[in-house]
Protein backbone atom coordinates (compact mmCIF):
# COMPACT_ATOMS: atom_id res chain seq x y z
CA UNK A 1 -66.55 -7.78 35.83
CA UNK A 2 -67.09 -8.92 32.23
CA UNK A 3 -64.82 -9.41 29.21
CA UNK A 4 -65.44 -5.71 28.47
CA UNK A 5 -62.95 -4.68 31.18
CA UNK A 6 -59.88 -6.52 29.77
CA UNK A 7 -60.65 -5.11 26.31
CA UNK A 8 -60.89 -1.60 27.76
CA UNK A 9 -57.53 -1.99 29.53
CA UNK A 10 -55.91 -3.35 26.36
CA UNK A 11 -57.22 -0.37 24.38
CA UNK A 12 -55.90 2.17 26.89
CA UNK A 13 -52.54 0.37 26.94
CA UNK A 14 -52.47 0.56 23.13
CA UNK A 15 -53.19 4.30 23.22
CA UNK A 16 -50.47 4.90 25.81
CA UNK A 17 -47.65 2.79 24.38
CA UNK A 18 -48.30 2.47 20.66
CA UNK A 19 -50.27 5.62 19.85
CA UNK A 20 -48.36 7.52 22.57
CA UNK A 21 -51.24 9.84 23.35
CA UNK A 22 -50.71 12.51 25.98
CA UNK A 23 -51.63 11.73 29.62
CA UNK A 24 -54.47 14.27 29.49
CA UNK A 25 -55.95 12.67 26.36
CA UNK A 26 -55.66 9.23 27.93
CA UNK A 27 -57.42 10.47 31.04
CA UNK A 28 -60.23 11.99 28.98
CA UNK A 29 -60.68 8.86 26.82
CA UNK A 30 -60.68 6.61 29.88
CA UNK A 31 -63.33 8.79 31.50
CA UNK A 32 -65.40 8.76 28.30
CA UNK A 33 -65.38 4.97 28.20
CA UNK A 34 -66.30 4.70 31.90
CA UNK A 35 -69.26 7.02 31.37
CA UNK A 36 -70.36 4.97 28.37
CA UNK A 37 -70.08 1.74 30.36
CA UNK A 38 -72.11 3.27 33.20
CA UNK A 39 -74.80 4.33 30.72
CA UNK A 40 -74.90 0.84 29.17
CA UNK A 41 -75.22 -0.78 32.61
CA UNK A 42 -78.42 1.18 33.10
CA UNK A 43 -79.51 0.98 29.46
CA UNK A 44 -79.05 -2.80 29.17
CA UNK A 45 -79.88 -3.73 32.75
CA UNK A 46 -76.43 -5.06 33.64
CA UNK A 47 -72.69 -4.63 33.17
CA UNK A 48 -71.94 -4.69 29.41
CA UNK A 49 -70.00 -7.50 27.77
CA UNK A 50 -68.09 -7.37 24.50
CA UNK A 51 -71.02 -9.19 22.86
CA UNK A 52 -73.34 -6.46 24.14
CA UNK A 53 -71.07 -3.79 22.62
CA UNK A 54 -70.96 -5.65 19.30
CA UNK A 55 -74.76 -5.81 19.21
CA UNK A 56 -75.29 -2.09 19.73
CA UNK A 57 -77.19 -0.08 17.14
CA UNK A 58 -76.74 3.58 16.21
CA UNK A 59 -79.92 4.28 18.20
CA UNK A 60 -78.16 3.07 21.35
CA UNK A 61 -75.25 5.43 20.75
CA UNK A 62 -77.62 8.31 20.02
CA UNK A 63 -79.35 7.55 23.33
CA UNK A 64 -75.99 7.89 25.11
CA UNK A 65 -75.22 11.20 23.37
CA UNK A 66 -78.73 12.41 24.16
CA UNK A 67 -78.26 11.57 27.83
CA UNK A 68 -74.98 13.49 27.90
CA UNK A 69 -76.59 16.46 26.18
CA UNK A 70 -79.35 16.54 28.80
CA UNK A 71 -76.55 16.71 31.35
CA UNK A 72 -75.55 19.96 29.59
CA UNK A 73 -72.40 18.58 28.00
CA UNK A 74 -71.21 20.75 25.11
CA UNK A 75 -70.87 19.70 21.47
CA UNK A 76 -67.08 19.58 21.58
CA UNK A 77 -67.12 17.18 24.51
CA UNK A 78 -69.74 15.03 22.79
CA UNK A 79 -67.60 14.86 19.66
CA UNK A 80 -64.56 13.87 21.71
CA UNK A 81 -66.55 11.17 23.48
CA UNK A 82 -67.80 9.80 20.17
CA UNK A 83 -64.22 9.85 18.83
CA UNK A 84 -63.06 7.91 21.89
CA UNK A 85 -65.80 5.30 21.45
CA UNK A 86 -65.00 4.94 17.74
CA UNK A 87 -61.34 4.42 18.58
CA UNK A 88 -62.28 1.76 21.14
CA UNK A 89 -64.56 0.01 18.64
CA UNK A 90 -61.91 0.07 15.89
CA UNK A 91 -59.41 -1.46 18.30
CA UNK A 92 -61.89 -4.17 19.19
CA UNK A 93 -62.53 -4.80 15.50
CA UNK A 94 -58.81 -5.11 14.72
CA UNK A 95 -58.41 -7.62 17.53
CA UNK A 96 -61.40 -9.58 16.23
CA UNK A 97 -63.61 -9.08 19.28
CA UNK A 98 -66.37 -6.77 18.01
CA UNK A 99 -67.55 -4.74 15.03
CA UNK A 100 -67.38 -0.96 14.71
CA UNK A 101 -70.21 -0.47 12.18
CA UNK A 102 -72.67 1.14 14.62
CA UNK A 103 -70.00 3.54 15.89
CA UNK A 104 -68.97 4.60 12.40
CA UNK A 105 -72.60 5.10 11.38
CA UNK A 106 -73.40 7.42 14.30
CA UNK A 107 -73.13 11.09 13.45
CA UNK A 108 -71.98 13.53 16.06
CA UNK A 109 -73.14 17.13 16.57
CA UNK A 110 -71.88 19.80 14.23
CA UNK A 111 -69.28 22.13 15.61
CA UNK A 112 -68.49 25.51 14.17
CA UNK A 113 -64.77 26.13 14.21
CA UNK A 114 -64.03 29.14 16.39
CA UNK A 115 -61.14 31.28 15.23
CA UNK A 116 -58.15 31.63 17.57
CA UNK A 117 -58.12 34.97 19.38
CA UNK A 118 -54.57 36.33 19.42
CA UNK A 119 -53.44 39.40 21.31
CA UNK A 120 -52.37 42.57 19.59
CA UNK A 121 -48.60 42.74 19.19
CA UNK A 122 -48.24 45.54 21.75
CA UNK A 123 -50.27 43.65 24.34
CA UNK A 124 -48.37 40.40 23.70
CA UNK A 125 -45.05 42.18 24.25
CA UNK A 126 -46.35 43.78 27.46
CA UNK A 127 -47.50 40.44 28.85
CA UNK A 128 -44.02 38.96 28.39
CA UNK A 129 -42.14 41.74 30.17
CA UNK A 130 -41.35 41.59 33.87
CA UNK A 131 -41.43 45.43 33.96
CA UNK A 132 -45.17 45.29 33.27
CA UNK A 133 -45.59 43.86 36.76
CA UNK A 134 -43.78 46.77 38.47
CA UNK A 135 -45.24 47.26 41.94
CA UNK A 136 -46.34 43.63 42.25
CA UNK A 137 -45.86 42.34 45.80
CA UNK A 138 -44.39 39.02 44.66
CA UNK A 139 -40.65 38.30 44.73
CA UNK A 140 -38.71 39.73 41.77
CA UNK A 141 -37.43 36.27 40.79
CA UNK A 142 -41.02 35.01 40.48
CA UNK A 143 -41.94 37.95 38.25
CA UNK A 144 -38.85 37.20 36.13
CA UNK A 145 -39.80 33.53 35.99
CA UNK A 146 -43.33 34.25 34.78
CA UNK A 147 -41.97 36.63 32.14
CA UNK A 148 -39.52 33.96 30.95
CA UNK A 149 -42.25 31.33 30.57
CA UNK A 150 -44.54 33.73 28.71
CA UNK A 151 -41.67 34.83 26.49
CA UNK A 152 -41.25 31.24 25.36
CA UNK A 153 -44.95 31.00 24.52
CA UNK A 154 -44.96 34.18 22.43
CA UNK A 155 -41.37 34.18 21.17
CA UNK A 156 -41.18 30.48 20.27
CA UNK A 157 -44.82 29.44 19.92
CA UNK A 158 -44.60 26.81 22.65
CA UNK A 159 -47.52 25.28 24.47
CA UNK A 160 -47.40 25.93 28.20
CA UNK A 161 -46.84 22.21 28.85
CA UNK A 162 -43.86 22.26 26.47
CA UNK A 163 -42.30 25.28 28.18
CA UNK A 164 -42.70 23.79 31.65
CA UNK A 165 -41.23 20.45 30.56
CA UNK A 166 -37.89 22.05 29.65
CA UNK A 167 -34.93 21.10 31.82
CA UNK A 168 -32.23 23.41 33.13
CA UNK A 169 -29.77 21.90 30.65
CA UNK A 170 -32.05 22.93 27.77
CA UNK A 171 -32.07 26.63 28.70
CA UNK A 172 -30.82 28.64 25.69
CA UNK A 173 -27.72 30.64 26.53
CA UNK A 174 -26.94 32.48 23.28
CA UNK A 175 -28.82 34.24 20.50
CA UNK A 176 -29.40 31.78 17.69
CA UNK A 177 -29.68 28.76 19.98
CA UNK A 178 -32.47 26.28 19.28
CA UNK A 179 -34.75 24.33 21.57
CA UNK A 180 -35.61 20.68 21.09
CA UNK A 181 -39.27 20.49 22.03
CA UNK A 182 -41.29 17.32 22.58
CA UNK A 183 -44.88 18.14 21.68
CA UNK A 184 -48.15 16.26 21.31
CA UNK A 185 -47.81 12.60 20.47
CA UNK A 186 -44.16 12.74 21.61
CA UNK A 187 -43.25 14.46 18.33
CA UNK A 188 -39.94 16.32 18.41
CA UNK A 189 -39.30 19.64 16.70
CA UNK A 190 -36.53 22.25 16.65
CA UNK A 191 -37.46 25.84 17.50
CA UNK A 192 -35.10 28.83 17.15
CA UNK A 193 -34.91 31.17 20.13
CA UNK A 194 -34.98 34.94 19.75
CA UNK A 195 -32.34 37.03 21.58
CA UNK A 196 -35.02 38.73 23.69
CA UNK A 197 -36.19 35.31 24.92
CA UNK A 198 -32.61 34.30 25.77
CA UNK A 199 -32.18 37.53 27.77
CA UNK A 200 -35.47 37.04 29.62
CA UNK A 201 -34.53 33.49 30.63
CA UNK A 202 -31.06 34.68 31.71
CA UNK A 203 -32.71 37.32 33.89
CA UNK A 204 -34.80 34.65 35.59
CA UNK A 205 -31.81 32.35 36.14
CA UNK A 206 -29.78 35.19 37.67
CA UNK A 207 -32.51 35.84 40.25
CA UNK A 208 -33.75 32.29 40.95
CA UNK A 209 -32.82 31.37 44.56
CA UNK A 210 -33.08 27.62 44.00
CA UNK A 211 -30.38 25.27 42.76
CA UNK A 212 -31.47 23.94 39.38
CA UNK A 213 -29.79 20.62 38.52
CA UNK A 214 -29.18 20.06 34.77
CA UNK A 215 -31.77 17.29 34.52
CA UNK A 216 -34.31 19.10 36.73
CA UNK A 217 -37.04 21.50 35.59
CA UNK A 218 -35.95 24.87 34.25
CA UNK A 219 -38.92 26.61 35.84
CA UNK A 220 -39.73 25.99 39.50
CA UNK A 221 -42.41 27.12 41.92
CA UNK A 222 -42.03 29.26 45.01
CA UNK A 223 -40.90 26.23 47.08
CA UNK A 224 -38.50 24.90 44.44
CA UNK A 225 -40.72 22.16 43.01
CA UNK A 226 -41.95 21.85 39.41
CA UNK A 227 -43.99 24.85 38.32
CA UNK A 228 -47.72 24.29 37.85
CA UNK A 229 -49.37 25.60 34.65
CA UNK A 230 -52.09 27.08 36.84
CA UNK A 231 -49.59 29.55 38.32
CA UNK A 232 -48.87 30.95 34.86
CA UNK A 233 -52.58 31.06 34.03
CA UNK A 234 -53.19 33.08 37.20
CA UNK A 235 -50.33 35.42 36.33
CA UNK A 236 -51.94 36.22 32.97
CA UNK A 237 -55.35 36.63 34.60
CA UNK A 238 -53.78 39.20 36.91
CA UNK A 239 -52.54 41.18 33.92
CA UNK A 240 -55.92 41.41 32.19
CA UNK A 241 -57.19 44.25 34.33
CA UNK A 242 -53.90 46.16 34.31
CA UNK A 243 -53.60 46.00 30.52
CA UNK A 244 -57.31 46.07 29.65
CA UNK A 245 -57.20 42.64 28.02
CA UNK A 246 -60.24 40.45 27.24
CA UNK A 247 -60.99 37.11 28.90
CA UNK A 248 -59.56 35.41 25.80
CA UNK A 249 -56.09 36.60 26.90
CA UNK A 250 -54.63 33.35 28.20
CA UNK A 251 -51.17 31.76 28.04
CA UNK A 252 -52.31 29.76 24.99
CA UNK A 253 -53.40 32.98 23.27
CA UNK A 254 -49.70 33.89 23.15
CA UNK A 255 -49.08 30.81 20.97
CA UNK A 256 -51.92 31.98 18.71
CA UNK A 257 -50.33 35.43 18.67
CA UNK A 258 -46.97 33.94 17.67
CA UNK A 259 -48.50 32.25 14.62
CA UNK A 260 -50.78 35.12 13.63
CA UNK A 261 -48.09 37.79 13.88
CA UNK A 262 -45.61 35.69 11.89
CA UNK A 263 -48.19 35.14 9.17
CA UNK A 264 -49.12 38.83 9.14
CA UNK A 265 -45.47 39.72 8.55
CA UNK A 266 -45.21 37.40 5.56
CA UNK A 267 -44.16 34.19 7.31
CA UNK A 268 -44.33 30.99 5.26
CA UNK A 269 -47.26 28.79 6.28
CA UNK A 270 -45.23 25.58 6.04
CA UNK A 271 -42.51 27.05 8.25
CA UNK A 272 -45.10 28.15 10.81
CA UNK A 273 -46.57 24.65 10.75
CA UNK A 274 -43.15 23.20 11.63
CA UNK A 275 -42.54 25.77 14.36
CA UNK A 276 -45.91 25.01 15.96
CA UNK A 277 -45.50 21.26 15.62
CA UNK A 278 -48.79 20.77 13.78
CA UNK A 279 -49.11 17.36 12.14
CA UNK A 280 -51.41 18.72 9.42
CA UNK A 281 -51.15 21.92 7.41
CA UNK A 282 -54.93 22.31 7.64
CA UNK A 283 -54.54 22.93 11.38
CA UNK A 284 -52.15 25.81 10.69
CA UNK A 285 -54.31 27.23 7.90
CA UNK A 286 -56.86 28.49 10.43
CA UNK A 287 -54.44 31.37 11.08
CA UNK A 288 -54.92 32.56 7.51
CA UNK A 289 -58.60 33.02 8.39
CA UNK A 290 -57.62 35.00 11.48
CA UNK A 291 -55.33 37.23 9.43
CA UNK A 292 -58.03 37.75 6.78
CA UNK A 293 -60.58 38.63 9.45
CA UNK A 294 -58.23 41.22 10.96
CA UNK A 295 -57.55 42.67 7.50
CA UNK A 296 -61.27 43.02 6.77
CA UNK A 297 -61.85 44.64 10.16
CA UNK A 298 -59.18 47.23 9.37
CA UNK A 299 -60.72 47.75 5.91
CA UNK A 300 -64.19 48.26 7.37
CA UNK A 301 -62.88 50.77 9.88
CA UNK A 302 -60.80 52.84 7.47
CA UNK A 303 -62.04 52.66 3.88
CA UNK A 304 -64.51 55.41 2.86
CA UNK A 305 -66.69 52.93 0.95
CA UNK A 306 -66.72 50.23 3.62
CA UNK A 307 -70.16 49.22 4.79
CA UNK A 308 -71.95 50.56 1.70
């Protein structure tokens, strides 16, 4: 153990309690730093100290990224790892224990921004209806539960983690109700709930065989415990074949569909940003590119002069 370990723990504590990063991001950043420390142990011939980190050159960081690339790690993961290391170095610099110059000077791989792939409106509606699963061998209450979760993703633009974190007391009971959602970075936003979503949740609650205490989870698994996101992912995977949907049809694609369909119907970009809980408008603006791409595809398919 060197003085690197206390600095690493202090950084992770800072991310958790001051930056309030999500548990998944914390887990990824912690893993990134462990992998970097393991590389340096081999690269330097011993466990790294803070002085060793401060003495690193961009060539050392490029060697780490090169090693990860040879391990067939993708560009997005490499960029996240570099972002984690830069954050660690900046924290060390602010606390006066090392300098971040080498980390800032190291360029990461270029990443082309892939456009979100929303579902067509008809397909999105079908995915959120329990009737679509007619003939399924699972219990009716489970089918109703899955439909209720997916209705929140498409009807309210929630992330799956946000939907599954709702408590029974938060369940909307009337048309026009709003949900208070805690999103990434513990940021709170208000989301209006459509009548069809209220009805779908009511249908699930009427069939659910488990007692749901007010402060307990709204959505539960087959044995009454908290519902796993993987169950909802599997439910959507099961619908792909029945509805002829592509592999890009995932629970998160319903959130993309929410934003894209609102924008296509004239929704205000700023309002969509607030509904999605995006910190930056530039994040929401990617849906304008999706809408433009769909418009051009329709133009190419229908206009007599298209393709000339």
